[in-house]
């Protein structure tokens, strides 16, 4: 029964791991504005080829392939996959100012990887634009997947304390044995 139980647990662990790896690998086609030979051009590339610093047109109706800073237009995002909140979140473009962007304070301007863009509104000509700020494991989604795939070992204090206790008992037992032998020799 133990072998069957271990086999079932191993099978379920392998299935969960493969599903998690499939979830973490997500690739779509995106329009990117890149400077090629000194000229700004729009090209269609795979999201696997995105790098931080790319200007990307916001894809509507699909999941974001990277973390991006919204520069132009506004979006309604479904962040349920990351936060568990079922209410869509409205994202607005980063305002022009002399203050540096702080990712922790300016979350309303960031489109996170793994969130679905429900609706995009463009205020000017052209599509909404976002600046790619992180890809892969450097994204918020990537960090969550990384912690699930490679969890940190927990150092449980109980285990180390139990080893100390057993060591202490062994020393006391040895001292008791030696003191008993010394007493029998002396008397």
N, C-alpha and C. Protein backbone atom coordinates (compact mmCIF):
# COMPACT_ATOMS: atom_id res chain seq x y z
N UNK A 1 0.82 -1.19 0.00
CA UNK A 1 0.00 0.00 0.00
C UNK A 1 0.86 1.26 0.00
N UNK A 2 1.99 1.19 0.71
CA UNK A 2 2.89 2.34 0.75
C UNK A 2 3.46 2.63 -0.63
N UNK A 3 3.83 1.57 -1.36
CA UNK A 3 4.38 1.74 -2.71
C UNK A 3 3.33 2.35 -3.63
N UNK A 4 2.09 1.89 -3.53
CA UNK A 4 1.01 2.44 -4.37
C UNK A 4 0.77 3.90 -4.02
N UNK A 5 0.75 4.21 -2.73
CA UNK A 5 0.54 5.60 -2.28
C UNK A 5 1.65 6.51 -2.78
N UNK A 6 2.88 6.07 -2.67
CA UNK A 6 4.02 6.87 -3.14
C UNK A 6 3.95 7.03 -4.65
N UNK A 7 3.55 5.98 -5.37
CA UNK A 7 3.43 6.05 -6.82
C UNK A 7 2.36 7.05 -7.25
N UNK A 8 1.20 7.03 -6.58
CA UNK A 8 0.13 7.97 -6.91
C UNK A 8 0.56 9.40 -6.62
N UNK A 9 1.21 9.62 -5.48
CA UNK A 9 1.70 10.95 -5.12
C UNK A 9 2.72 11.45 -6.13
N UNK A 10 3.63 10.58 -6.55
CA UNK A 10 4.64 10.95 -7.55
C UNK A 10 3.97 11.30 -8.88
N UNK A 11 2.97 10.52 -9.30
CA UNK A 11 2.26 10.78 -10.55
C UNK A 11 1.55 12.13 -10.49
N UNK A 12 0.87 12.42 -9.38
CA UNK A 12 0.16 13.70 -9.24
C UNK A 12 1.14 14.87 -9.22
N UNK A 13 2.27 14.70 -8.57
CA UNK A 13 3.29 15.75 -8.53
C UNK A 13 3.83 16.04 -9.92
N UNK A 14 4.08 15.00 -10.69
CA UNK A 14 4.59 15.18 -12.06
C UNK A 14 3.55 15.88 -12.93
N UNK A 15 2.26 15.51 -12.80
CA UNK A 15 1.21 16.17 -13.57
C UNK A 15 1.10 17.64 -13.21
N UNK A 16 1.13 17.96 -11.93
CA UNK A 16 1.04 19.34 -11.48
C UNK A 16 2.22 20.15 -11.99
N UNK A 17 3.40 19.58 -11.95
CA UNK A 17 4.60 20.27 -12.42
C UNK A 17 4.52 20.55 -13.92
N UNK A 18 4.04 19.58 -14.71
CA UNK A 18 3.94 19.81 -16.15
C UNK A 18 2.88 20.86 -16.47
N UNK A 19 1.75 20.87 -15.74
CA UNK A 19 0.73 21.89 -15.94
C UNK A 19 1.27 23.27 -15.59
N UNK A 20 2.05 23.36 -14.54
CA UNK A 20 2.64 24.63 -14.13
C UNK A 20 3.64 25.13 -15.17
N UNK A 21 4.41 24.22 -15.74
CA UNK A 21 5.35 24.62 -16.79
C UNK A 21 4.62 25.07 -18.05
N UNK A 22 3.50 24.41 -18.38
CA UNK A 22 2.71 24.85 -19.53
C UNK A 22 2.11 26.22 -19.28
N UNK A 23 1.67 26.47 -18.05
CA UNK A 23 1.09 27.76 -17.69
C UNK A 23 2.14 28.86 -17.77
N UNK A 24 3.37 28.55 -17.39
CA UNK A 24 4.40 29.57 -17.38
C UNK A 24 4.91 29.90 -18.78
N UNK A 25 4.77 28.97 -19.72
CA UNK A 25 5.21 29.23 -21.10
C UNK A 25 4.03 29.77 -21.89
N UNK A 26 4.07 31.05 -22.20
CA UNK A 26 2.98 31.70 -22.93
C UNK A 26 3.61 32.57 -24.00
N UNK A 27 3.15 32.38 -25.23
CA UNK A 27 3.75 33.11 -26.34
C UNK A 27 2.67 33.57 -27.32
N UNK A 28 2.71 34.86 -27.67
CA UNK A 28 1.79 35.42 -28.66
C UNK A 28 2.58 36.33 -29.59
N UNK A 29 1.95 36.76 -30.67
CA UNK A 29 2.56 37.74 -31.56
C UNK A 29 2.21 39.14 -31.09
N UNK A 30 3.19 40.04 -31.05
CA UNK A 30 2.95 41.42 -30.62
C UNK A 30 3.61 42.39 -31.61
N UNK A 31 2.99 43.58 -31.72
CA UNK A 31 3.58 44.65 -32.54
C UNK A 31 4.48 45.47 -31.64
N UNK A 32 5.70 45.66 -32.12
CA UNK A 32 6.71 46.38 -31.34
C UNK A 32 7.28 47.51 -32.18
N UNK A 33 7.50 48.66 -31.55
CA UNK A 33 8.17 49.78 -32.21
C UNK A 33 9.62 49.76 -31.76
N UNK A 34 10.52 49.48 -32.70
CA UNK A 34 11.96 49.43 -32.40
C UNK A 34 12.71 50.35 -33.34
N UNK A 35 13.83 50.82 -32.85
CA UNK A 35 14.70 51.65 -33.67
C UNK A 35 15.68 50.73 -34.40
N UNK A 36 15.53 50.69 -35.72
CA UNK A 36 16.39 49.87 -36.56
C UNK A 36 17.12 50.80 -37.52
N UNK A 37 18.44 50.78 -37.47
CA UNK A 37 19.29 51.63 -38.32
C UNK A 37 18.91 53.10 -38.17
N UNK A 38 18.63 53.51 -36.94
CA UNK A 38 18.33 54.91 -36.66
C UNK A 38 16.91 55.34 -36.99
N UNK A 39 16.09 54.41 -37.45
CA UNK A 39 14.73 54.74 -37.84
C UNK A 39 13.74 53.90 -37.03
N UNK A 40 12.69 54.54 -36.50
CA UNK A 40 11.68 53.84 -35.71
C UNK A 40 10.75 53.08 -36.65
N UNK A 41 10.72 51.75 -36.47
CA UNK A 41 9.88 50.91 -37.32
C UNK A 41 8.97 50.05 -36.45
N UNK A 42 7.85 49.65 -37.02
CA UNK A 42 6.91 48.76 -36.34
C UNK A 42 7.07 47.37 -36.94
N UNK A 43 7.35 46.40 -36.08
CA UNK A 43 7.52 45.02 -36.54
C UNK A 43 6.66 44.09 -35.69
N UNK A 44 6.30 42.97 -36.26
CA UNK A 44 5.54 41.94 -35.55
C UNK A 44 6.52 40.86 -35.13
N UNK A 45 6.60 40.60 -33.81
CA UNK A 45 7.52 39.59 -33.30
C UNK A 45 6.79 38.68 -32.32
N UNK A 46 7.43 37.61 -31.95
CA UNK A 46 6.91 36.72 -30.92
C UNK A 46 7.18 37.36 -29.56
N UNK A 47 6.28 37.14 -28.60
CA UNK A 47 6.48 37.72 -27.27
C UNK A 47 7.72 37.16 -26.58
N UNK A 48 8.21 36.01 -27.04
CA UNK A 48 9.44 35.45 -26.47
C UNK A 48 10.66 36.31 -26.82
N UNK A 49 10.55 37.16 -27.86
CA UNK A 49 11.65 38.00 -28.30
C UNK A 49 11.60 39.40 -27.69
N UNK A 50 10.61 39.66 -26.83
CA UNK A 50 10.52 40.98 -26.18
C UNK A 50 11.69 41.17 -25.22
N UNK A 51 12.17 42.40 -25.18
CA UNK A 51 13.23 42.76 -24.23
C UNK A 51 12.82 44.05 -23.52
N UNK A 52 13.29 44.24 -22.30
CA UNK A 52 12.98 45.51 -21.62
C UNK A 52 13.45 46.69 -22.45
N UNK A 53 12.57 47.69 -22.58
CA UNK A 53 12.88 48.86 -23.38
C UNK A 53 12.10 48.90 -24.69
N UNK A 54 11.49 47.78 -25.07
CA UNK A 54 10.67 47.76 -26.28
C UNK A 54 9.39 48.56 -26.05
N UNK A 55 8.94 49.27 -27.10
CA UNK A 55 7.63 49.91 -27.08
C UNK A 55 6.66 48.96 -27.76
N UNK A 56 5.66 48.52 -27.02
CA UNK A 56 4.78 47.47 -27.50
C UNK A 56 3.35 48.00 -27.59
N UNK A 57 2.66 47.64 -28.68
CA UNK A 57 1.24 47.96 -28.77
C UNK A 57 0.48 46.99 -27.88
N UNK A 58 -0.49 47.52 -27.15
CA UNK A 58 -1.20 46.70 -26.16
C UNK A 58 -2.18 45.78 -26.87
N UNK A 59 -1.99 44.46 -26.72
CA UNK A 59 -2.92 43.52 -27.36
C UNK A 59 -4.21 43.42 -26.55
N UNK A 60 -5.35 43.54 -27.23
CA UNK A 60 -6.64 43.48 -26.55
C UNK A 60 -7.20 42.06 -26.62
N UNK A 61 -7.78 41.61 -25.51
CA UNK A 61 -8.41 40.30 -25.47
C UNK A 61 -7.47 39.15 -25.20
N UNK A 62 -6.20 39.42 -24.94
CA UNK A 62 -5.23 38.37 -24.65
C UNK A 62 -4.49 38.70 -23.35
N UNK A 63 -3.77 37.71 -22.84
CA UNK A 63 -2.98 37.94 -21.64
C UNK A 63 -1.69 38.68 -22.00
N UNK A 64 -1.28 39.52 -21.07
CA UNK A 64 -0.03 40.26 -21.27
C UNK A 64 1.15 39.28 -21.18
N UNK A 65 2.09 39.35 -22.13
CA UNK A 65 3.23 38.44 -22.10
C UNK A 65 4.39 38.95 -21.25
N UNK A 66 4.28 40.19 -20.73
CA UNK A 66 5.37 40.79 -19.98
C UNK A 66 4.80 41.85 -19.03
N UNK A 67 5.64 42.34 -18.14
CA UNK A 67 5.25 43.50 -17.34
C UNK A 67 5.59 44.74 -18.17
N UNK A 68 4.63 45.67 -18.27
CA UNK A 68 4.84 46.84 -19.11
C UNK A 68 4.25 48.08 -18.44
N UNK A 69 4.86 49.22 -18.69
CA UNK A 69 4.43 50.50 -18.17
C UNK A 69 3.57 51.19 -19.23
N UNK A 70 2.33 51.47 -18.87
CA UNK A 70 1.40 52.07 -19.82
C UNK A 70 1.77 53.53 -20.08
N UNK A 71 2.04 53.87 -21.35
CA UNK A 71 2.44 55.21 -21.73
C UNK A 71 1.36 55.98 -22.46
N UNK A 72 0.52 55.26 -23.21
CA UNK A 72 -0.48 55.92 -24.06
C UNK A 72 -1.74 55.06 -24.10
N UNK A 73 -2.91 55.68 -23.91
CA UNK A 73 -4.17 54.97 -23.89
C UNK A 73 -4.52 54.53 -22.48
N UNK A 74 -5.62 53.85 -22.33
CA UNK A 74 -6.00 53.29 -21.03
C UNK A 74 -6.53 51.88 -21.25
N UNK A 75 -6.50 51.08 -20.19
CA UNK A 75 -6.89 49.68 -20.30
C UNK A 75 -7.73 49.26 -19.11
N UNK A 76 -8.52 48.26 -19.32
CA UNK A 76 -9.21 47.58 -18.23
C UNK A 76 -8.64 46.17 -18.21
N UNK A 77 -8.03 45.82 -17.08
CA UNK A 77 -7.32 44.56 -16.96
C UNK A 77 -8.00 43.64 -15.96
N UNK A 78 -8.01 42.35 -16.27
CA UNK A 78 -8.48 41.33 -15.35
C UNK A 78 -7.25 40.74 -14.67
N UNK A 79 -7.03 41.11 -13.40
CA UNK A 79 -5.85 40.65 -12.66
C UNK A 79 -6.17 39.48 -11.74
N UNK A 80 -7.26 38.76 -12.02
CA UNK A 80 -7.70 37.66 -11.15
C UNK A 80 -6.64 36.57 -11.03
N UNK A 81 -5.87 36.32 -12.07
CA UNK A 81 -4.88 35.26 -12.02
C UNK A 81 -3.79 35.55 -10.98
N UNK A 82 -3.44 36.82 -10.84
CA UNK A 82 -2.37 37.18 -9.90
C UNK A 82 -2.89 37.52 -8.51
N UNK A 83 -4.00 38.25 -8.44
CA UNK A 83 -4.47 38.74 -7.14
C UNK A 83 -5.65 37.98 -6.59
N UNK A 84 -6.40 37.29 -7.43
CA UNK A 84 -7.59 36.60 -6.99
C UNK A 84 -8.82 37.50 -6.98
N UNK A 85 -8.64 38.78 -7.25
CA UNK A 85 -9.76 39.73 -7.31
C UNK A 85 -10.54 39.52 -8.60
N UNK A 86 -11.85 39.43 -8.50
CA UNK A 86 -12.66 39.20 -9.68
C UNK A 86 -13.06 40.50 -10.36
N UNK A 87 -12.82 41.63 -9.71
CA UNK A 87 -13.20 42.93 -10.28
C UNK A 87 -12.08 43.42 -11.18
N UNK A 88 -12.40 43.76 -12.45
CA UNK A 88 -11.37 44.29 -13.35
C UNK A 88 -10.80 45.62 -12.83
N UNK A 89 -9.55 45.87 -13.17
CA UNK A 89 -8.83 47.05 -12.71
C UNK A 89 -8.59 47.99 -13.88
N UNK A 90 -8.85 49.26 -13.68
CA UNK A 90 -8.62 50.26 -14.71
C UNK A 90 -7.18 50.75 -14.62
N UNK A 91 -6.49 50.78 -15.74
CA UNK A 91 -5.10 51.24 -15.80
C UNK A 91 -5.04 52.50 -16.65
N UNK A 92 -4.28 53.47 -16.18
CA UNK A 92 -4.15 54.76 -16.86
C UNK A 92 -2.69 55.00 -17.22
N UNK A 93 -2.45 55.83 -18.25
CA UNK A 93 -1.06 56.08 -18.65
C UNK A 93 -0.29 56.86 -17.59
N UNK A 94 1.00 56.63 -17.57
CA UNK A 94 1.89 57.34 -16.65
C UNK A 94 1.90 58.81 -17.03
N UNK A 95 1.60 59.70 -16.08
CA UNK A 95 1.60 61.14 -16.42
C UNK A 95 3.02 61.65 -16.64
N UNK A 96 3.14 62.67 -17.49
CA UNK A 96 4.44 63.29 -17.73
C UNK A 96 4.78 64.17 -16.54
N UNK A 97 5.93 63.91 -15.92
CA UNK A 97 6.38 64.72 -14.79
C UNK A 97 7.88 64.53 -14.62
N UNK A 98 8.45 65.34 -13.74
CA UNK A 98 9.88 65.25 -13.47
C UNK A 98 10.20 64.21 -12.39
N UNK A 99 9.17 63.66 -11.77
CA UNK A 99 9.36 62.67 -10.71
C UNK A 99 9.63 61.31 -11.34
N UNK A 100 10.61 60.60 -10.77
CA UNK A 100 10.93 59.27 -11.27
C UNK A 100 9.80 58.29 -10.98
N UNK A 101 9.64 57.34 -11.87
CA UNK A 101 8.61 56.31 -11.71
C UNK A 101 9.04 55.33 -10.61
N UNK A 102 8.14 55.06 -9.67
CA UNK A 102 8.40 54.09 -8.61
C UNK A 102 7.42 52.93 -8.80
N UNK A 103 7.90 51.74 -9.16
CA UNK A 103 7.00 50.61 -9.46
C UNK A 103 6.09 50.23 -8.29
N UNK A 104 6.53 50.43 -7.07
CA UNK A 104 5.70 50.05 -5.92
C UNK A 104 4.56 51.04 -5.69
N UNK A 105 4.79 52.30 -5.98
CA UNK A 105 3.75 53.32 -5.76
C UNK A 105 2.86 53.52 -6.99
N UNK A 106 3.36 53.21 -8.16
CA UNK A 106 2.64 53.49 -9.41
C UNK A 106 2.08 52.23 -10.05
N UNK A 107 1.49 51.34 -9.27
CA UNK A 107 0.96 50.08 -9.79
C UNK A 107 -0.22 50.29 -10.74
N UNK A 108 -0.90 51.43 -10.64
CA UNK A 108 -2.04 51.68 -11.52
C UNK A 108 -1.61 51.97 -12.95
N UNK A 109 -0.31 52.09 -13.19
CA UNK A 109 0.20 52.35 -14.54
C UNK A 109 0.89 51.12 -15.14
N UNK A 110 0.97 50.03 -14.37
CA UNK A 110 1.71 48.85 -14.82
C UNK A 110 0.74 47.75 -15.25
N UNK A 111 0.98 47.21 -16.44
CA UNK A 111 0.23 46.06 -16.96
C UNK A 111 1.08 44.82 -16.65
N UNK A 112 0.57 43.96 -15.78
CA UNK A 112 1.36 42.82 -15.30
C UNK A 112 1.23 41.62 -16.22
N UNK A 113 2.29 40.85 -16.31
CA UNK A 113 2.30 39.63 -17.10
C UNK A 113 1.27 38.66 -16.52
N UNK A 114 0.53 37.99 -17.41
CA UNK A 114 -0.47 37.03 -16.97
C UNK A 114 -1.84 37.63 -16.74
N UNK A 115 -1.95 38.97 -16.78
CA UNK A 115 -3.26 39.59 -16.64
C UNK A 115 -3.87 39.76 -18.03
N UNK A 116 -5.18 39.68 -18.11
CA UNK A 116 -5.85 39.74 -19.40
C UNK A 116 -6.35 41.15 -19.66
N UNK A 117 -6.03 41.68 -20.84
CA UNK A 117 -6.51 42.99 -21.26
C UNK A 117 -7.92 42.83 -21.81
N UNK A 118 -8.89 43.31 -21.06
CA UNK A 118 -10.29 43.18 -21.47
C UNK A 118 -10.65 44.23 -22.51
N UNK A 119 -10.19 45.46 -22.28
CA UNK A 119 -10.57 46.56 -23.16
C UNK A 119 -9.44 47.57 -23.21
N UNK A 120 -9.19 48.11 -24.38
CA UNK A 120 -8.19 49.15 -24.56
C UNK A 120 -8.85 50.36 -25.22
N UNK A 121 -8.58 51.55 -24.67
CA UNK A 121 -9.11 52.77 -25.27
C UNK A 121 -7.93 53.63 -25.70
N UNK A 122 -8.04 54.16 -26.91
CA UNK A 122 -6.99 55.02 -27.46
C UNK A 122 -7.53 56.45 -27.53
N UNK A 123 -6.78 57.39 -26.99
CA UNK A 123 -7.22 58.78 -27.02
C UNK A 123 -6.74 59.53 -28.25
N UNK A 124 -5.64 59.11 -28.79
CA UNK A 124 -5.06 59.78 -29.95
C UNK A 124 -4.98 58.79 -31.10
N UNK A 125 -4.42 59.23 -32.21
CA UNK A 125 -4.24 58.32 -33.34
C UNK A 125 -3.28 57.21 -32.94
N UNK A 126 -3.51 56.05 -33.49
CA UNK A 126 -2.63 54.92 -33.23
C UNK A 126 -3.09 54.11 -32.02
N UNK A 127 -2.39 53.05 -31.78
CA UNK A 127 -2.74 52.12 -30.70
C UNK A 127 -2.16 52.58 -29.37
N UNK A 128 -2.66 51.99 -28.31
CA UNK A 128 -2.09 52.24 -26.99
C UNK A 128 -0.70 51.64 -26.91
N UNK A 129 0.20 52.35 -26.25
CA UNK A 129 1.58 51.89 -26.16
C UNK A 129 1.98 51.64 -24.72
N UNK A 130 2.83 50.65 -24.55
CA UNK A 130 3.38 50.34 -23.24
C UNK A 130 4.87 50.04 -23.39
N UNK A 131 5.63 50.43 -22.38
CA UNK A 131 7.08 50.19 -22.36
C UNK A 131 7.34 48.91 -21.60
N UNK A 132 7.97 47.94 -22.25
CA UNK A 132 8.28 46.67 -21.60
C UNK A 132 9.31 46.93 -20.51
N UNK A 133 8.97 46.53 -19.26
CA UNK A 133 9.92 46.75 -18.17
C UNK A 133 10.53 45.46 -17.64
N UNK A 134 9.85 44.31 -17.85
CA UNK A 134 10.45 43.04 -17.45
C UNK A 134 9.79 41.88 -18.20
N UNK A 135 10.56 40.83 -18.38
CA UNK A 135 10.08 39.64 -19.10
C UNK A 135 10.50 38.39 -18.32
N UNK A 136 9.87 37.27 -18.65
CA UNK A 136 10.25 35.98 -18.07
C UNK A 136 10.08 35.90 -16.56
N UNK A 137 11.08 35.34 -15.89
CA UNK A 137 11.03 35.17 -14.44
C UNK A 137 11.15 36.49 -13.68
N UNK A 138 11.51 37.57 -14.37
CA UNK A 138 11.62 38.87 -13.71
C UNK A 138 10.26 39.55 -13.53
N UNK A 139 9.22 39.04 -14.16
CA UNK A 139 7.89 39.62 -14.02
C UNK A 139 7.26 39.17 -12.70
N UNK A 140 6.15 39.79 -12.34
CA UNK A 140 5.44 39.40 -11.13
C UNK A 140 4.93 37.95 -11.25
N UNK A 141 4.37 37.61 -12.39
CA UNK A 141 3.91 36.23 -12.63
C UNK A 141 5.09 35.26 -12.61
N UNK A 142 6.19 35.66 -13.22
CA UNK A 142 7.38 34.81 -13.24
C UNK A 142 7.91 34.53 -11.84
N UNK A 143 7.84 35.54 -10.98
CA UNK A 143 8.27 35.34 -9.60
C UNK A 143 7.38 34.34 -8.87
N UNK A 144 6.07 34.40 -9.13
CA UNK A 144 5.16 33.44 -8.51
C UNK A 144 5.42 32.03 -9.02
N UNK A 145 5.62 31.89 -10.32
CA UNK A 145 5.90 30.57 -10.90
C UNK A 145 7.23 30.04 -10.37
N UNK A 146 8.23 30.91 -10.27
CA UNK A 146 9.55 30.49 -9.76
C UNK A 146 9.44 29.97 -8.34
N UNK A 147 8.65 30.64 -7.48
CA UNK A 147 8.53 30.17 -6.10
C UNK A 147 7.76 28.85 -6.03
N UNK A 148 6.86 28.60 -6.99
CA UNK A 148 6.15 27.32 -7.00
C UNK A 148 7.04 26.19 -7.54
N UNK A 149 7.84 26.49 -8.57
CA UNK A 149 8.71 25.46 -9.14
C UNK A 149 9.92 25.17 -8.26
N UNK A 150 10.47 26.20 -7.64
CA UNK A 150 11.67 26.05 -6.84
C UNK A 150 11.46 26.65 -5.46
N UNK A 151 10.69 25.99 -4.60
CA UNK A 151 10.42 26.56 -3.28
C UNK A 151 11.67 26.56 -2.41
N UNK A 152 11.72 27.52 -1.50
CA UNK A 152 12.85 27.60 -0.59
C UNK A 152 12.69 26.53 0.48
N UNK A 153 13.82 25.97 0.91
CA UNK A 153 13.78 25.00 1.99
C UNK A 153 13.47 25.72 3.29
N UNK A 154 12.50 25.18 4.00
CA UNK A 154 12.13 25.79 5.27
C UNK A 154 13.01 25.21 6.37
N UNK A 155 13.65 26.08 7.12
CA UNK A 155 14.46 25.64 8.25
C UNK A 155 13.56 25.64 9.48
N UNK A 156 13.14 24.44 9.85
CA UNK A 156 12.24 24.31 10.97
C UNK A 156 13.06 24.21 12.25
N UNK A 157 12.80 25.10 13.17
CA UNK A 157 13.54 25.14 14.44
C UNK A 157 13.29 23.91 15.29
N UNK A 158 12.13 23.28 15.15
CA UNK A 158 11.81 22.11 15.94
C UNK A 158 12.78 20.97 15.66
N UNK A 159 13.13 20.79 14.39
CA UNK A 159 14.02 19.70 14.02
C UNK A 159 15.41 19.91 14.63
N UNK A 160 15.96 21.10 14.54
CA UNK A 160 17.28 21.35 15.12
C UNK A 160 17.24 21.27 16.64
N UNK A 161 16.14 21.73 17.25
CA UNK A 161 16.01 21.63 18.70
C UNK A 161 15.91 20.17 19.15
N UNK A 162 15.23 19.34 18.36
CA UNK A 162 15.13 17.92 18.73
C UNK A 162 16.49 17.25 18.64
N UNK A 163 17.31 17.62 17.65
CA UNK A 163 18.67 17.06 17.57
C UNK A 163 19.49 17.49 18.78
N UNK A 164 19.37 18.71 19.20
CA UNK A 164 20.09 19.19 20.39
C UNK A 164 19.64 18.43 21.63
N UNK A 165 18.35 18.20 21.75
CA UNK A 165 17.80 17.49 22.89
C UNK A 165 18.32 16.05 22.94
N UNK A 166 18.32 15.38 21.77
CA UNK A 166 18.82 13.99 21.71
C UNK A 166 20.31 13.96 22.03
N UNK A 167 21.07 14.92 21.53
CA UNK A 167 22.51 15.00 21.83
C UNK A 167 22.73 15.20 23.33
N UNK A 168 21.93 16.07 23.92
CA UNK A 168 22.04 16.31 25.37
C UNK A 168 21.71 15.06 26.17
N UNK A 169 20.68 14.32 25.76
CA UNK A 169 20.34 13.08 26.45
C UNK A 169 21.45 12.04 26.31
N UNK A 170 22.07 11.98 25.13
CA UNK A 170 23.17 11.04 24.92
C UNK A 170 24.35 11.37 25.82
N UNK A 171 24.66 12.65 25.95
CA UNK A 171 25.78 13.05 26.83
C UNK A 171 25.46 12.71 28.29
N UNK A 172 24.21 13.00 28.71
CA UNK A 172 23.83 12.68 30.08
C UNK A 172 23.87 11.17 30.32
N UNK A 173 23.47 10.37 29.34
CA UNK A 173 23.53 8.92 29.46
C UNK A 173 24.95 8.43 29.57
N UNK A 174 25.85 9.01 28.74
CA UNK A 174 27.26 8.61 28.81
C UNK A 174 27.88 9.02 30.14
N UNK A 175 27.57 10.21 30.62
CA UNK A 175 28.08 10.65 31.92
C UNK A 175 27.55 9.75 33.03
N UNK A 176 26.29 9.35 32.95
CA UNK A 176 25.72 8.45 33.95
C UNK A 176 26.39 7.09 33.91
N UNK A 177 26.68 6.59 32.73
CA UNK A 177 27.34 5.29 32.59
C UNK A 177 28.76 5.34 33.15
N UNK A 178 29.50 6.41 32.80
CA UNK A 178 30.88 6.53 33.29
C UNK A 178 30.90 6.74 34.81
N UNK A 179 29.99 7.51 35.33
CA UNK A 179 29.97 7.73 36.79
C UNK A 179 29.60 6.45 37.51
N UNK A 180 28.73 5.60 36.93
CA UNK A 180 28.38 4.32 37.54
C UNK A 180 29.59 3.39 37.55
N UNK A 181 30.37 3.39 36.45
CA UNK A 181 31.57 2.55 36.39
C UNK A 181 32.61 3.03 37.40
N UNK A 182 32.76 4.32 37.54
CA UNK A 182 33.74 4.88 38.50
C UNK A 182 33.32 4.51 39.91
N UNK A 183 32.05 4.58 40.22
CA UNK A 183 31.58 4.23 41.55
C UNK A 183 31.77 2.75 41.85
N UNK A 184 31.57 1.88 40.85
CA UNK A 184 31.77 0.45 41.08
C UNK A 184 33.24 0.11 41.25
N UNK A 185 34.12 0.86 40.60
CA UNK A 185 35.56 0.62 40.74
C UNK A 185 36.01 1.07 42.12
N UNK A 186 35.52 2.21 42.57
CA UNK A 186 35.93 2.77 43.85
C UNK A 186 35.40 1.95 45.02
N UNK A 187 34.28 1.37 44.94
CA UNK A 187 33.70 0.65 46.08
C UNK A 187 33.72 -0.79 45.78
